[in-house]
Structure formats: C-alpha cells, structure tokens
Protein backbone atom coordinates (compact mmCIF):
# COMPACT_ATOMS: atom_id res chain seq x y z
CA MET A 1 0.73 -8.23 -4.83
CA SER A 2 2.37 -5.76 -2.89
CA ASP A 3 0.68 -3.61 -0.65
CA ALA A 4 2.51 -0.48 -1.25
CA ALA A 5 1.05 2.27 -3.62
CA ALA A 6 2.00 3.02 -7.07
CA VAL A 7 3.82 5.98 -7.90
CA THR A 8 4.76 8.67 -10.53
CA THR A 9 8.00 10.12 -11.30
CA ILE A 10 8.12 12.65 -13.77
CA VAL A 11 12.00 13.77 -14.92
CA HIS A 12 12.12 16.50 -17.15
CA ARG A 13 15.11 17.66 -19.11
CA PRO A 14 15.24 21.61 -19.38
CA PHE A 15 18.52 21.16 -21.92
CA GLY A 16 16.95 18.38 -24.13
CA GLY A 17 18.93 15.45 -24.60
CA LEU A 18 19.45 12.37 -22.83
CA HIS A 19 22.26 13.39 -20.60
CA GLY A 20 22.52 16.32 -18.03
CA TYR A 21 20.44 18.98 -15.96
CA ARG A 22 16.98 16.96 -15.01
CA VAL A 23 14.09 18.29 -12.69
CA VAL A 24 12.61 14.81 -10.93
CA SER A 25 9.09 15.64 -9.79
CA ASP A 26 6.09 14.01 -8.75
CA ARG A 27 2.68 16.11 -8.93
CA ALA A 28 1.40 14.61 -5.51
CA SER A 29 4.62 15.91 -3.87
CA ARG A 30 5.86 18.77 -2.27
CA ALA A 31 9.56 18.25 -3.16
CA VAL A 32 11.55 18.42 -6.76
CA VAL A 33 14.70 17.51 -7.09
CA HIS A 34 17.43 18.79 -9.27
CA ALA A 35 20.01 17.05 -10.87
CA PHE A 36 23.06 18.25 -12.32
CA ALA A 37 27.17 18.24 -12.88
CA LEU A 38 28.37 20.79 -10.93
CA THR A 39 30.40 21.97 -14.53
CA ASP A 40 26.93 22.42 -15.61
CA LEU A 41 26.09 25.17 -12.69
CA ALA A 42 26.33 28.27 -15.09
CA ALA A 43 23.82 26.84 -17.54
CA VAL A 44 21.71 25.76 -14.63
CA ALA A 45 21.50 29.60 -13.17
CA ALA A 46 21.56 30.95 -16.57
CA ALA A 47 17.71 28.57 -17.00
CA GLY A 48 16.26 30.69 -13.73
CA LEU A 49 14.67 27.12 -12.59
CA LEU A 50 16.67 26.57 -9.30
CA ARG A 51 15.27 29.35 -6.62
CA GLY A 52 14.42 29.34 -2.92
CA GLY A 53 15.28 27.42 0.25
CA CYS A 54 16.53 23.75 -0.27
CA ALA A 55 18.63 20.99 0.83
CA TYR A 56 21.83 19.61 -1.56
CA VAL A 57 24.01 16.81 -1.89
CA LEU A 58 27.64 17.01 -3.45
CA LEU A 59 28.52 13.69 -4.80
CA GLY A 60 31.59 12.37 -6.05
CA GLY A 61 34.60 10.23 -5.98
CA GLY A 62 32.97 8.32 -3.11
CA GLN A 63 32.34 10.89 -0.75
CA ALA A 64 29.32 13.34 -0.54
CA TYR A 65 28.50 16.60 1.56
CA ILE A 66 24.89 17.73 2.46
CA GLY A 67 24.32 20.94 2.98
CA GLU A 68 20.80 23.32 2.97
CA SER A 69 21.06 26.93 1.69
CA GLY A 70 18.48 29.62 1.22
CA ARG A 71 20.25 30.63 -2.06
CA PRO A 72 21.62 27.69 -3.73
CA LEU A 73 23.15 29.09 -6.65
CA ARG A 74 25.38 31.54 -4.56
CA ARG A 75 26.30 28.54 -2.24
CA LEU A 76 27.04 25.87 -4.79
CA GLY A 77 29.00 28.40 -6.66
CA GLU A 78 31.06 28.64 -3.01
CA HIS A 79 31.36 25.33 -3.16
CA ALA A 80 32.47 24.38 -7.38
CA ALA A 81 35.29 27.43 -6.00
CA ASP A 82 36.45 25.31 -2.55
CA PRO A 83 39.15 23.04 -3.01
CA THR A 84 37.90 20.75 -0.05
CA LYS A 85 34.63 19.90 -2.29
CA GLY A 86 37.18 18.82 -5.43
CA PHE A 87 35.62 15.42 -4.94
CA ALA A 88 31.87 16.69 -6.09
CA ARG A 89 30.85 16.18 -9.22
CA ASP A 90 27.38 16.11 -9.31
CA ALA A 91 24.71 18.24 -7.39
CA PHE A 92 21.15 17.05 -6.22
CA VAL A 93 19.27 19.87 -5.14
CA VAL A 94 15.87 19.03 -3.15
CA GLY A 95 13.85 22.38 -3.39
CA GLY A 96 9.90 22.99 -3.62
CA CYS A 97 7.57 22.86 -6.75
CA ASP A 98 6.00 25.96 -7.74
CA GLY A 99 3.48 28.02 -5.08
CA ALA A 100 5.23 25.58 -2.18
CA ALA A 101 9.26 26.89 -1.42
CA PHE A 102 10.81 25.36 1.20
CA GLU A 103 10.75 27.44 4.70
CA LYS A 104 14.35 26.95 6.27
CA ASN A 105 13.61 25.12 9.07
CA LEU A 106 12.50 22.02 6.34
CA GLY A 107 15.52 22.97 4.68
CA LEU A 108 17.57 22.27 7.98
CA ASP A 109 15.37 19.09 8.84
CA PHE A 110 16.28 17.71 5.87
CA GLN A 111 20.05 18.32 6.18
CA PHE A 112 20.00 16.40 9.28
CA ARG A 113 17.57 13.57 8.22
CA LEU A 114 19.80 13.84 5.10
CA THR A 115 23.08 13.06 6.77
CA GLN A 116 22.16 10.79 9.43
CA ASP A 117 20.69 8.60 6.46
CA ALA A 118 23.74 8.91 4.45
CA VAL A 119 25.92 8.09 7.73
CA GLU A 120 23.75 4.94 8.57
CA ALA A 121 23.61 3.60 4.84
CA ARG A 122 27.57 3.66 4.65
CA GLN A 123 27.44 3.69 0.80
CA VAL A 124 30.05 6.77 0.74
CA ALA A 125 31.77 8.82 2.87
CA VAL A 126 29.74 11.72 4.72
CA VAL A 127 32.13 15.18 4.48
CA LYS A 128 30.93 17.10 6.93
CA GLY A 129 31.71 20.75 8.86
CA ALA A 130 29.93 20.88 11.78
CA SER A 131 27.69 18.44 12.49
CA PRO A 132 23.56 19.55 11.20
CA VAL A 133 21.31 19.53 14.12
CA ARG A 134 17.76 19.03 13.60
CA PRO A 135 15.65 22.03 14.18
CA ASP A 136 13.06 21.91 17.12
CA LEU A 137 9.63 21.53 15.41
CA PRO A 138 6.10 20.93 16.66
CA ALA A 139 4.53 17.72 16.03
CA ALA A 140 2.62 19.05 13.42
CA ASP A 141 5.54 19.92 11.22
CA ARG A 142 7.25 17.09 12.08
CA SER A 143 5.08 14.90 10.60
CA THR A 144 4.46 17.06 7.73
CA HIS A 145 8.05 16.83 6.81
CA ASP A 146 8.02 13.39 7.30
CA ARG A 147 5.57 12.94 4.43
CA ILE A 148 7.77 15.38 2.21
CA TYR A 149 11.09 13.46 3.25
CA ALA A 150 9.81 9.92 2.30
CA ASP A 151 9.07 11.44 -1.27
CA ALA A 152 12.46 13.61 -1.61
CA VAL A 153 14.31 10.30 -1.03
CA ARG A 154 12.47 8.69 -3.31
CA LEU A 155 12.91 11.10 -5.94
CA LEU A 156 16.95 11.58 -5.29
CA HIS A 157 16.75 8.16 -5.99
CA ASP A 158 15.08 8.03 -9.39
CA ALA A 159 17.10 11.20 -10.07
CA GLY A 160 20.57 9.03 -9.61
CA CYS A 161 21.35 9.63 -5.91
CA GLY A 162 20.71 6.57 -3.88
CA ILE A 163 23.21 6.95 -1.02
CA PHE A 164 20.18 6.94 1.88
CA THR A 165 19.58 3.06 1.04
CA PRO A 166 21.50 1.00 2.88
CA VAL A 167 23.62 -1.96 1.63
CA ALA A 168 23.25 -5.22 3.53
CA ALA A 169 26.40 -6.50 4.27
CA PRO A 170 27.50 -9.92 2.82
CA ASP A 171 27.49 -13.01 5.19
CA PRO A 172 31.72 -13.51 5.47
CA GLY A 173 31.48 -17.00 4.99
CA HIS A 174 29.72 -16.95 1.43
CA VAL A 175 31.22 -14.99 -1.70
CA PRO A 176 28.32 -14.31 -4.36
CA VAL A 177 29.33 -16.55 -7.66
CA GLU A 178 28.50 -14.50 -10.93
CA PRO A 179 28.84 -15.65 -14.48
CA PRO A 180 32.04 -15.31 -16.37
CA ALA A 181 32.72 -11.79 -18.43
CA PRO A 182 35.22 -10.34 -20.53
CA GLU A 183 38.13 -8.69 -18.60
CA THR A 184 37.01 -5.16 -20.03
CA ASN A 185 34.07 -3.72 -22.00
CA ALA A 186 34.53 -0.50 -22.84
CA SER A 187 30.95 0.15 -22.29
CA ASP A 188 31.02 -0.26 -18.66
CA GLY A 189 33.78 2.31 -18.21
CA THR A 190 36.68 -0.14 -16.86
CA ASP A 191 40.18 1.10 -17.62
CA PRO A 192 42.03 -1.71 -19.91
CA ALA A 193 45.06 -1.02 -17.68
CA ASP A 194 43.22 -2.66 -14.69
CA SER A 195 43.09 -5.87 -16.09
CA GLY A 196 46.29 -6.70 -15.02
CA PRO A 197 47.03 -9.55 -12.68
CA MET A 198 46.66 -9.50 -9.11
CA SER A 199 49.34 -11.36 -6.55
CA ILE A 200 48.30 -12.07 -3.32
CA GLY A 201 50.28 -12.50 -0.75
CA VAL A 202 53.34 -10.90 -2.88
CA SER A 203 57.10 -10.65 -0.12
CA SER A 204 58.10 -7.65 0.60
CA LEU A 205 58.73 -5.28 -2.47
CA PRO A 206 61.11 -2.21 -2.44
CA MET A 207 59.11 0.78 -2.03
CA ASP A 208 59.37 3.35 -4.94
CA GLY A 209 59.25 6.51 -3.12
CA GLU A 210 56.22 7.65 -1.09
CA SER A 211 53.90 5.52 0.86
CA PHE A 212 49.75 6.55 0.03
CA GLU A 213 46.36 6.03 2.33
CA LEU A 214 43.03 5.70 1.25
CA ARG A 215 40.06 6.27 2.93
CA TYR A 216 36.36 5.40 2.47
CA CYS A 217 33.47 4.59 4.51
CA GLN A 218 35.95 4.22 7.60
CA VAL A 219 37.95 1.73 5.52
CA TRP A 220 41.48 2.75 5.62
CA ALA A 221 44.04 1.18 3.91
CA ARG A 222 48.12 1.73 2.62
CA GLY A 223 49.56 1.51 -0.30
CA TYR A 224 52.92 1.91 -2.33
CA ARG A 225 54.46 1.70 -5.52
CA SER A 226 57.07 -1.10 -6.61
CA CYS A 227 58.59 -2.32 -9.82
CA GLY A 228 56.20 -0.94 -12.01
CA ARG A 229 52.69 -1.89 -9.68
CA PHE A 230 50.87 -0.74 -7.10
CA VAL A 231 50.97 -3.18 -3.49
CA VAL A 232 48.27 -2.59 -0.92
CA ALA A 233 50.24 -3.24 2.39
CA ALA A 234 49.25 -5.82 4.71
CA GLY A 235 47.16 -4.36 7.74
CA SER A 236 45.01 -2.37 5.12
CA GLU A 237 41.22 -2.59 5.67
CA VAL A 238 38.95 -4.16 2.63
CA ARG A 239 34.87 -3.11 2.75
CA THR A 240 32.84 -5.95 2.69
CA ALA A 241 29.98 -4.27 0.75
CA THR A 242 29.90 -3.89 -3.28
CA ASN A 243 28.09 -1.47 -4.31
CA GLY A 244 25.55 -1.76 -7.17
CA SER A 245 27.64 0.38 -9.74
CA VAL A 246 30.72 -2.40 -9.57
CA ASP A 247 32.09 -3.47 -12.98
CA ALA A 248 32.04 -7.66 -13.47
CA LEU A 249 36.08 -7.46 -13.55
CA THR A 250 36.41 -5.77 -9.91
CA ARG A 251 33.78 -7.87 -8.51
CA ARG A 252 35.88 -11.28 -9.71
CA ARG A 253 39.06 -10.11 -8.10
CA ARG A 254 36.85 -9.05 -4.76
CA GLU A 255 35.44 -12.50 -5.09
CA GLU A 256 39.34 -14.49 -5.33
CA LEU A 257 40.53 -11.97 -2.73
CA PHE A 258 37.82 -13.30 -0.34
CA ARG A 259 38.11 -16.77 -1.28
CA ALA A 260 41.55 -16.46 -0.21
CA HIS A 261 41.57 -16.84 3.04
CA VAL A 262 43.95 -13.45 3.43
CA LEU A 263 40.75 -11.56 5.24
CA ALA A 264 40.49 -11.43 9.24
CA GLU A 265 37.59 -10.15 11.05
CA ILE A 266 38.19 -7.42 12.99
CA PRO A 267 36.57 -7.46 16.37
CA GLY A 268 33.13 -5.46 16.86
CA VAL A 269 33.11 -4.54 13.55
CA GLY A 270 31.16 -5.98 10.66
CA ASP A 271 31.53 -4.03 7.65
CA ARG A 272 35.40 -4.20 6.89
CA ARG A 273 38.19 -6.69 7.04
CA ARG A 274 42.16 -6.66 7.63
CA LEU A 275 44.45 -7.57 4.92
CA MET A 276 46.39 -10.23 6.54
CA VAL A 277 49.40 -10.50 3.69
CA ALA A 278 50.39 -7.50 0.99
CA VAL A 279 48.28 -7.83 -2.25
CA ALA A 280 50.09 -6.54 -5.67
CA PHE A 281 48.02 -4.92 -8.29
CA ALA A 282 48.26 -3.66 -11.85
CA THR A 283 46.70 -0.05 -11.42
CA GLU A 284 46.11 2.28 -8.29
CA SER A 285 42.73 2.18 -9.61
CA ILE A 286 42.03 -1.27 -9.52
CA ALA A 287 43.50 -1.28 -6.13
CA ALA A 288 40.78 1.44 -4.57
CA LYS A 289 38.00 -0.14 -6.51
CA ILE A 290 38.62 -3.53 -5.07
CA VAL A 291 39.73 -2.21 -0.90
CA CYS A 292 36.49 0.01 -1.41
CA GLY A 293 34.06 -1.94 -3.10
CA ALA A 294 33.15 0.72 -5.62
CA HIS A 295 32.99 1.84 -9.04
CA SER A 296 34.32 5.23 -8.36
CA ALA A 297 36.42 4.79 -5.31
CA PRO A 298 38.49 8.45 -4.08
CA PRO A 299 42.46 8.53 -4.93
CA TRP A 300 45.40 7.12 -3.15
CA THR A 301 46.68 10.60 -1.68
CA PRO A 302 50.23 10.73 0.19
CA LEU A 303 50.69 9.70 3.46
CA ARG A 304 51.70 12.30 5.81
CA ASP A 305 53.79 11.42 8.91
CA ARG A 306 51.51 11.55 11.73
CA ALA A 307 52.90 12.77 15.68
CA VAL A 308 51.98 10.50 18.38
CA VAL A 309 51.09 12.12 21.75
CA LEU A 310 51.22 10.05 24.38
CA ALA A 311 49.29 11.26 28.00
CA ALA A 312 50.35 10.10 30.88
C-alpha cells in the first residue's frame, strides 16, 4: 500500500455540461484552478468567478506561456489579442479560494516555480518574455508557499494541464512495441490524410517553393514540399520522448523511424536525435507529430534567411 495520503479533487462546471469552463478545487487547499478555452473568456468574465491575484498558464500547439497578474481577466484579454500568443488555446488560472486571495508575492513565486518546472519537464516549449525572478521571501512564507504549490500542481494536472511532470527519455536502444491498431480512428482526432506512406531515406527531391522550419522543446527541424509530399531534411532533429496523448498511428511511425537506424546521437544531448537521411511524409501535420512526439505539434513556418556574423 502506498504511503501517500489520499486526496479529493472537486470539479465544478459553472456552465453545466461535460465540456468547457471548470473550477477545480480541494477543500483542504487554498489553491483553486480555473480552466477554460480562451475563446470562452468573455463568458467566464461575465460569470464573475475569476477575480483576484493569480498565476496562469496559456497552452496550445506544444507551447506554453506562464504569467501572473492581479487582474487576470484584463491580462488574459490582452494575451488573446496578442499575435505572439496566437498558439494559445487553453487558459489555466491558479488563484485563491474564497477568503484566501493570492497576494502579489504568491503569484510571482508561482510564476517562477511553474516556469522552472515546465522548462525542466520538457513536455512543451516555454515561451518567455523576461525570465521570471523568484521573490525574496522569509523562510516561513516560503514553506507555506511550498504546501500551496504542491496542491496547485496537482489541481492543474486534474484540470488537464500536466506539463509540469517530467517525461523520462526512453532508452535509445529500446523501441516500445504496441499492439496493432487501425491506421486511423476518428475518435482520437487522427486526420485520415496523415495515414499516407512514410518513406525513409529518400533521395534528393525537387523543392516546391520555400523551406520551412519547426521548433519544439529545443528540437529544430527543416522541411520542404516536394511532389505532393512533405520532406523532413537530413540534419533535422527528432525528439526522443513521446507524449502520452500521441495517437497510435504516430507512435507506430516513430517506432519504425527509430528501428531504421537513421537517427544519430547528438554528443551531450539526451532528449533528441539527429536525422541522417531525408524522410518523406504524406502531410506536414504527420511530419510535425513524428518529429516532436506530440499529438498537437506546432506548425511549420517559413525558414527565413539568417545573417551570420563572424567576430574576430
């Protein structure tokens, strides 16, 4: 039997139904998590349930932004209108329960801790403005924050934001084998177009227009369109870890890629491998999922010319 104490999480849906805005709490904790799609921000504001100081996470497309504010509705509204936060689909706001509002130092401390944990977990790419600084706190306040923070991370996980739990990198020599499954499944959100063939080690193919790049969790990859397919170029990186939300098709394709012995170790780096050959995919979408090991991978963006400056 585990020595860990049992816990209770309460999920309240103010708007009813099975989806949408939810308030996740534990009566033994000071922390409360409000979780909702950014498109529902106006309705959440009208409900009047989101007030006071907080820390928050904006999540989507394999990226996360973590902040803090004393006026969360206004701040989230600014983010929703900011093109640089266009990746964000969901908001997770950590605030205080009734009668125990978050003071400024608690929000700042949580912003620092959540950012640090998300970076170390490497499940998503953390988008930063200025790097958060941990506030200088008395020892008594810090120990209190420790207890509240542990509850908050658990409630975030229960609300659907599990990006703070590290994912162990797999043994490079071991490729997990799963039972066969249908190529596509409408219930898991797999695009039928992704089920086209994957060709490993294709020879040089003509480039149809510009090149593209993809960045995710320190992974960098280059690709281009060719003859109706999308080619990930040799030299690109492939993430070793696979997110738990990845569909069966993407898992099988990644296993095939690792078994083909076309991924080289990068000296001093354990979380990604170097692709030694070009690989052609049916769509840009499946190429991104396989490179990132993620069900919701960021889009490929045009690769711009970069100036290289050599200093004597």
